[in-house]
N, C-alpha and C. Protein backbone atom coordinates (compact mmCIF):
# COMPACT_ATOMS: atom_id res chain seq x y z
N MET A 1 -11.07 17.39 9.60
CA MET A 1 -11.91 16.17 9.50
C MET A 1 -11.64 15.45 8.23
N LYS A 2 -11.45 16.21 7.11
CA LYS A 2 -11.21 15.54 5.81
C LYS A 2 -9.87 14.74 5.88
N ALA A 3 -8.86 15.29 6.50
CA ALA A 3 -7.60 14.58 6.58
C ALA A 3 -7.75 13.24 7.31
N LYS A 4 -8.53 13.24 8.38
CA LYS A 4 -8.76 12.02 9.15
C LYS A 4 -9.49 10.98 8.33
N LYS A 5 -10.50 11.45 7.62
CA LYS A 5 -11.30 10.54 6.74
C LYS A 5 -10.43 10.01 5.63
N ASN A 6 -9.60 10.86 5.05
CA ASN A 6 -8.69 10.51 3.98
C ASN A 6 -7.69 9.45 4.45
N LYS A 7 -7.17 9.64 5.68
CA LYS A 7 -6.22 8.68 6.28
C LYS A 7 -6.89 7.32 6.40
N LYS A 8 -8.10 7.30 6.88
CA LYS A 8 -8.81 6.03 7.04
C LYS A 8 -9.02 5.32 5.72
N LEU A 9 -9.35 6.09 4.69
CA LEU A 9 -9.52 5.54 3.38
C LEU A 9 -8.19 4.97 2.81
N VAL A 10 -7.12 5.74 2.95
CA VAL A 10 -5.84 5.34 2.42
C VAL A 10 -5.33 4.09 3.13
N VAL A 11 -5.45 4.06 4.46
CA VAL A 11 -5.06 2.87 5.22
C VAL A 11 -5.85 1.64 4.79
N SER A 12 -7.14 1.84 4.57
CA SER A 12 -7.96 0.75 4.11
C SER A 12 -7.54 0.25 2.69
N LEU A 13 -7.22 1.21 1.82
CA LEU A 13 -6.71 0.82 0.48
C LEU A 13 -5.38 0.09 0.59
N ILE A 14 -4.52 0.55 1.45
CA ILE A 14 -3.24 -0.13 1.63
C ILE A 14 -3.45 -1.56 2.10
N ALA A 15 -4.34 -1.77 3.09
CA ALA A 15 -4.60 -3.09 3.60
C ALA A 15 -5.14 -3.98 2.48
N SER A 16 -6.07 -3.46 1.71
CA SER A 16 -6.59 -4.19 0.57
C SER A 16 -5.52 -4.54 -0.45
N ASP A 17 -4.64 -3.58 -0.70
CA ASP A 17 -3.56 -3.80 -1.66
C ASP A 17 -2.58 -4.86 -1.13
N LEU A 18 -2.30 -4.88 0.17
CA LEU A 18 -1.42 -5.88 0.76
C LEU A 18 -2.02 -7.27 0.60
N ILE A 19 -3.31 -7.41 0.86
CA ILE A 19 -3.94 -8.70 0.76
C ILE A 19 -3.95 -9.14 -0.70
N HIS A 20 -4.22 -8.21 -1.58
CA HIS A 20 -4.21 -8.54 -3.03
C HIS A 20 -2.79 -8.94 -3.50
N ALA A 21 -1.81 -8.20 -3.05
CA ALA A 21 -0.41 -8.51 -3.45
C ALA A 21 -0.02 -9.91 -2.94
N LYS A 22 -0.45 -10.26 -1.75
CA LYS A 22 -0.15 -11.58 -1.23
C LYS A 22 -0.84 -12.67 -2.02
N LEU A 23 -2.10 -12.43 -2.43
CA LEU A 23 -2.82 -13.35 -3.31
C LEU A 23 -2.15 -13.51 -4.68
N ILE A 24 -1.78 -12.38 -5.27
CA ILE A 24 -1.11 -12.42 -6.57
C ILE A 24 0.24 -13.18 -6.45
N GLY A 25 0.96 -12.96 -5.37
CA GLY A 25 2.25 -13.66 -5.17
C GLY A 25 2.02 -15.13 -5.08
N GLY A 26 0.96 -15.57 -4.37
CA GLY A 26 0.64 -16.97 -4.26
C GLY A 26 0.28 -17.60 -5.59
N LEU A 27 -0.46 -16.85 -6.40
CA LEU A 27 -0.80 -17.36 -7.75
C LEU A 27 0.42 -17.51 -8.60
N GLU A 28 1.38 -16.56 -8.50
CA GLU A 28 2.61 -16.62 -9.26
C GLU A 28 3.46 -17.82 -8.81
N GLN A 29 3.45 -18.12 -7.50
CA GLN A 29 4.19 -19.28 -7.02
C GLN A 29 3.60 -20.61 -7.51
N LEU A 30 2.32 -20.58 -7.82
CA LEU A 30 1.66 -21.77 -8.34
C LEU A 30 1.88 -21.90 -9.87
N GLY A 31 2.58 -20.94 -10.41
CA GLY A 31 2.89 -21.03 -11.84
C GLY A 31 1.85 -20.35 -12.71
N LEU A 32 0.88 -19.69 -12.09
CA LEU A 32 -0.13 -18.99 -12.86
C LEU A 32 0.37 -17.59 -13.21
N LYS A 33 -0.24 -16.99 -14.19
CA LYS A 33 0.17 -15.65 -14.63
C LYS A 33 -0.92 -14.66 -14.38
N PRO A 34 -0.90 -14.04 -13.22
CA PRO A 34 -2.03 -13.19 -12.82
C PRO A 34 -1.94 -11.73 -13.29
N GLU A 35 -1.18 -11.46 -14.36
CA GLU A 35 -0.98 -10.06 -14.81
C GLU A 35 -2.32 -9.33 -15.04
N ASN A 36 -3.30 -10.05 -15.50
CA ASN A 36 -4.59 -9.40 -15.83
C ASN A 36 -5.43 -9.09 -14.56
N TYR A 37 -4.92 -9.41 -13.42
CA TYR A 37 -5.69 -9.22 -12.17
C TYR A 37 -5.14 -8.17 -11.28
N TYR A 38 -4.17 -7.40 -11.73
CA TYR A 38 -3.67 -6.33 -10.92
C TYR A 38 -4.73 -5.22 -10.77
N LEU A 39 -4.81 -4.66 -9.59
CA LEU A 39 -5.82 -3.63 -9.32
C LEU A 39 -5.30 -2.20 -9.41
N TYR A 40 -3.98 -2.04 -9.42
CA TYR A 40 -3.34 -0.74 -9.53
C TYR A 40 -3.73 0.19 -8.37
N LEU A 41 -3.96 -0.42 -7.20
CA LEU A 41 -4.29 0.40 -6.03
C LEU A 41 -3.14 1.31 -5.62
N SER A 42 -1.90 0.87 -5.89
CA SER A 42 -0.73 1.66 -5.52
C SER A 42 -0.83 3.06 -6.12
N ASP A 43 -1.26 3.13 -7.40
CA ASP A 43 -1.38 4.44 -8.05
C ASP A 43 -2.34 5.35 -7.32
N HIS A 44 -3.49 4.80 -6.91
CA HIS A 44 -4.50 5.58 -6.20
C HIS A 44 -4.04 6.02 -4.83
N ILE A 45 -3.31 5.13 -4.15
CA ILE A 45 -2.81 5.44 -2.83
C ILE A 45 -1.79 6.60 -2.89
N ILE A 46 -0.86 6.50 -3.81
CA ILE A 46 0.12 7.58 -3.97
C ILE A 46 -0.56 8.91 -4.30
N GLU A 47 -1.53 8.84 -5.19
CA GLU A 47 -2.27 10.07 -5.60
C GLU A 47 -3.05 10.63 -4.41
N LEU A 48 -3.76 9.80 -3.67
CA LEU A 48 -4.54 10.29 -2.56
C LEU A 48 -3.68 10.94 -1.46
N MET A 49 -2.44 10.48 -1.37
CA MET A 49 -1.51 11.03 -0.39
C MET A 49 -0.87 12.31 -0.89
N GLY A 50 -1.16 12.69 -2.14
CA GLY A 50 -0.72 13.98 -2.62
C GLY A 50 0.65 13.98 -3.26
N PHE A 51 1.21 12.84 -3.58
CA PHE A 51 2.51 12.77 -4.19
C PHE A 51 2.38 12.86 -5.73
N GLU A 52 3.31 13.62 -6.35
CA GLU A 52 3.28 13.82 -7.80
C GLU A 52 4.66 13.82 -8.37
N GLY A 53 4.74 13.75 -9.68
CA GLY A 53 6.02 13.87 -10.39
C GLY A 53 7.09 12.91 -9.90
N GLU A 54 8.33 13.44 -9.82
CA GLU A 54 9.45 12.58 -9.43
C GLU A 54 9.24 12.03 -8.02
N GLN A 55 8.68 12.85 -7.12
CA GLN A 55 8.46 12.36 -5.76
C GLN A 55 7.48 11.23 -5.77
N GLY A 56 6.45 11.36 -6.59
CA GLY A 56 5.44 10.28 -6.73
C GLY A 56 6.06 8.99 -7.24
N GLU A 57 6.97 9.10 -8.22
CA GLU A 57 7.64 7.92 -8.75
C GLU A 57 8.54 7.28 -7.69
N PHE A 58 9.25 8.12 -6.95
CA PHE A 58 10.08 7.59 -5.84
C PHE A 58 9.21 6.86 -4.80
N LEU A 59 8.12 7.53 -4.43
CA LEU A 59 7.24 6.93 -3.41
C LEU A 59 6.56 5.66 -3.90
N PHE A 60 6.27 5.62 -5.17
CA PHE A 60 5.68 4.40 -5.72
C PHE A 60 6.64 3.20 -5.53
N GLN A 61 7.92 3.44 -5.82
CA GLN A 61 8.89 2.36 -5.65
C GLN A 61 9.11 2.03 -4.16
N TYR A 62 9.13 3.07 -3.34
CA TYR A 62 9.29 2.91 -1.90
C TYR A 62 8.11 2.13 -1.33
N TYR A 63 6.94 2.47 -1.77
CA TYR A 63 5.71 1.74 -1.34
C TYR A 63 5.74 0.32 -1.81
N ASP A 64 6.18 0.09 -3.02
CA ASP A 64 6.27 -1.30 -3.54
C ASP A 64 7.24 -2.12 -2.69
N ASP A 65 8.34 -1.50 -2.28
CA ASP A 65 9.28 -2.22 -1.43
C ASP A 65 8.67 -2.52 -0.06
N LEU A 66 7.97 -1.57 0.51
CA LEU A 66 7.33 -1.79 1.81
C LEU A 66 6.24 -2.88 1.72
N LYS A 67 5.56 -2.89 0.59
CA LYS A 67 4.47 -3.83 0.40
C LYS A 67 4.93 -5.31 0.42
N LYS A 68 6.19 -5.52 0.10
CA LYS A 68 6.74 -6.90 0.08
C LYS A 68 6.73 -7.51 1.47
N ARG A 69 6.60 -6.68 2.53
CA ARG A 69 6.53 -7.22 3.89
C ARG A 69 5.27 -8.04 4.12
N ALA A 70 4.26 -7.83 3.30
CA ALA A 70 2.98 -8.56 3.43
C ALA A 70 3.17 -10.03 3.24
N GLU A 71 4.20 -10.41 2.47
CA GLU A 71 4.47 -11.80 2.20
C GLU A 71 4.69 -12.61 3.50
N PHE A 72 5.14 -11.94 4.52
CA PHE A 72 5.50 -12.61 5.79
C PHE A 72 4.39 -12.50 6.85
N VAL A 73 3.29 -11.87 6.49
CA VAL A 73 2.19 -11.71 7.44
C VAL A 73 1.19 -12.84 7.31
N ASP A 74 0.86 -13.44 8.43
CA ASP A 74 -0.13 -14.52 8.43
C ASP A 74 -1.51 -13.90 8.61
N ASN A 75 -2.31 -13.96 7.58
CA ASN A 75 -3.67 -13.44 7.68
C ASN A 75 -4.69 -14.53 7.49
N SER A 76 -4.32 -15.75 7.85
CA SER A 76 -5.23 -16.85 7.67
C SER A 76 -6.38 -16.86 8.67
N GLU A 77 -6.16 -16.28 9.83
CA GLU A 77 -7.21 -16.21 10.89
C GLU A 77 -8.03 -14.96 10.74
N ASP A 78 -7.36 -13.83 10.63
CA ASP A 78 -8.02 -12.53 10.49
C ASP A 78 -7.05 -11.56 9.85
N ASN A 79 -7.50 -10.35 9.68
CA ASN A 79 -6.65 -9.35 9.01
C ASN A 79 -6.03 -8.33 9.94
N LYS A 80 -6.01 -8.60 11.25
CA LYS A 80 -5.47 -7.63 12.19
C LYS A 80 -4.03 -7.31 11.90
N ALA A 81 -3.20 -8.29 11.62
CA ALA A 81 -1.78 -8.08 11.38
C ALA A 81 -1.57 -7.31 10.07
N MET A 82 -2.40 -7.59 9.08
CA MET A 82 -2.34 -6.91 7.80
C MET A 82 -2.75 -5.44 7.97
N LYS A 83 -3.75 -5.20 8.77
CA LYS A 83 -4.20 -3.81 9.01
C LYS A 83 -3.11 -3.03 9.79
N LYS A 84 -2.44 -3.71 10.72
CA LYS A 84 -1.33 -3.03 11.44
C LYS A 84 -0.21 -2.70 10.46
N LEU A 85 0.12 -3.63 9.60
CA LEU A 85 1.12 -3.35 8.55
C LEU A 85 0.72 -2.20 7.69
N ALA A 86 -0.54 -2.13 7.33
CA ALA A 86 -1.07 -1.05 6.49
C ALA A 86 -0.87 0.27 7.23
N ARG A 87 -1.18 0.34 8.50
CA ARG A 87 -0.98 1.57 9.28
C ARG A 87 0.51 1.96 9.34
N ASP A 88 1.36 0.97 9.49
CA ASP A 88 2.81 1.22 9.56
C ASP A 88 3.29 1.78 8.21
N ILE A 89 2.81 1.19 7.12
CA ILE A 89 3.22 1.66 5.77
C ILE A 89 2.71 3.05 5.55
N TYR A 90 1.48 3.34 5.94
CA TYR A 90 0.93 4.68 5.79
C TYR A 90 1.81 5.68 6.53
N HIS A 91 2.18 5.34 7.76
CA HIS A 91 3.03 6.22 8.55
C HIS A 91 4.36 6.44 7.84
N ASN A 92 4.97 5.39 7.33
CA ASN A 92 6.25 5.56 6.59
C ASN A 92 6.11 6.42 5.36
N LEU A 93 5.01 6.26 4.65
CA LEU A 93 4.80 7.09 3.46
C LEU A 93 4.57 8.54 3.87
N GLN A 94 3.83 8.74 4.93
CA GLN A 94 3.53 10.08 5.44
C GLN A 94 4.80 10.84 5.83
N LEU A 95 5.76 10.10 6.32
CA LEU A 95 7.03 10.71 6.73
C LEU A 95 7.78 11.26 5.53
N GLN A 96 7.45 10.79 4.35
CA GLN A 96 8.11 11.23 3.12
C GLN A 96 7.53 12.53 2.59
N GLN A 97 6.38 12.95 3.19
CA GLN A 97 5.73 14.20 2.73
C GLN A 97 6.69 15.37 2.95
N PRO A 98 6.73 16.26 1.94
CA PRO A 98 7.54 17.45 2.16
C PRO A 98 6.92 18.32 3.27
N LEU A 99 7.74 18.95 4.02
CA LEU A 99 7.23 19.84 5.05
C LEU A 99 6.68 21.11 4.41
N PRO A 100 5.63 21.65 4.97
CA PRO A 100 5.05 22.86 4.34
C PRO A 100 6.07 24.01 4.45
N THR A 101 6.10 24.81 3.38
CA THR A 101 7.02 25.98 3.38
C THR A 101 6.22 27.23 3.80
N GLU A 102 6.66 27.84 4.81
CA GLU A 102 6.11 29.07 5.37
C GLU A 102 6.59 29.30 6.73
């Protein structure tokens, strides 16, 4: 049950991070400097998924690359497409989990 609840939380955080990244990108395109408005959700997402050390650093960069896809998502009507992208990104990150040894 905890894993399912954790998945829902992480997917929700990813969706929020995607929306925020798109907003920050728009502000940058307008010539504004939004450095003080970063939420650092990526750090929390990677931690909640259990990644640490070198693997965590690799996944952070991998996640950042995946997050760039949000730029092409139209969320002007609703967030369904962004939520789908969040679920896809979660799945891609989950595939990077090491398999249990035993």
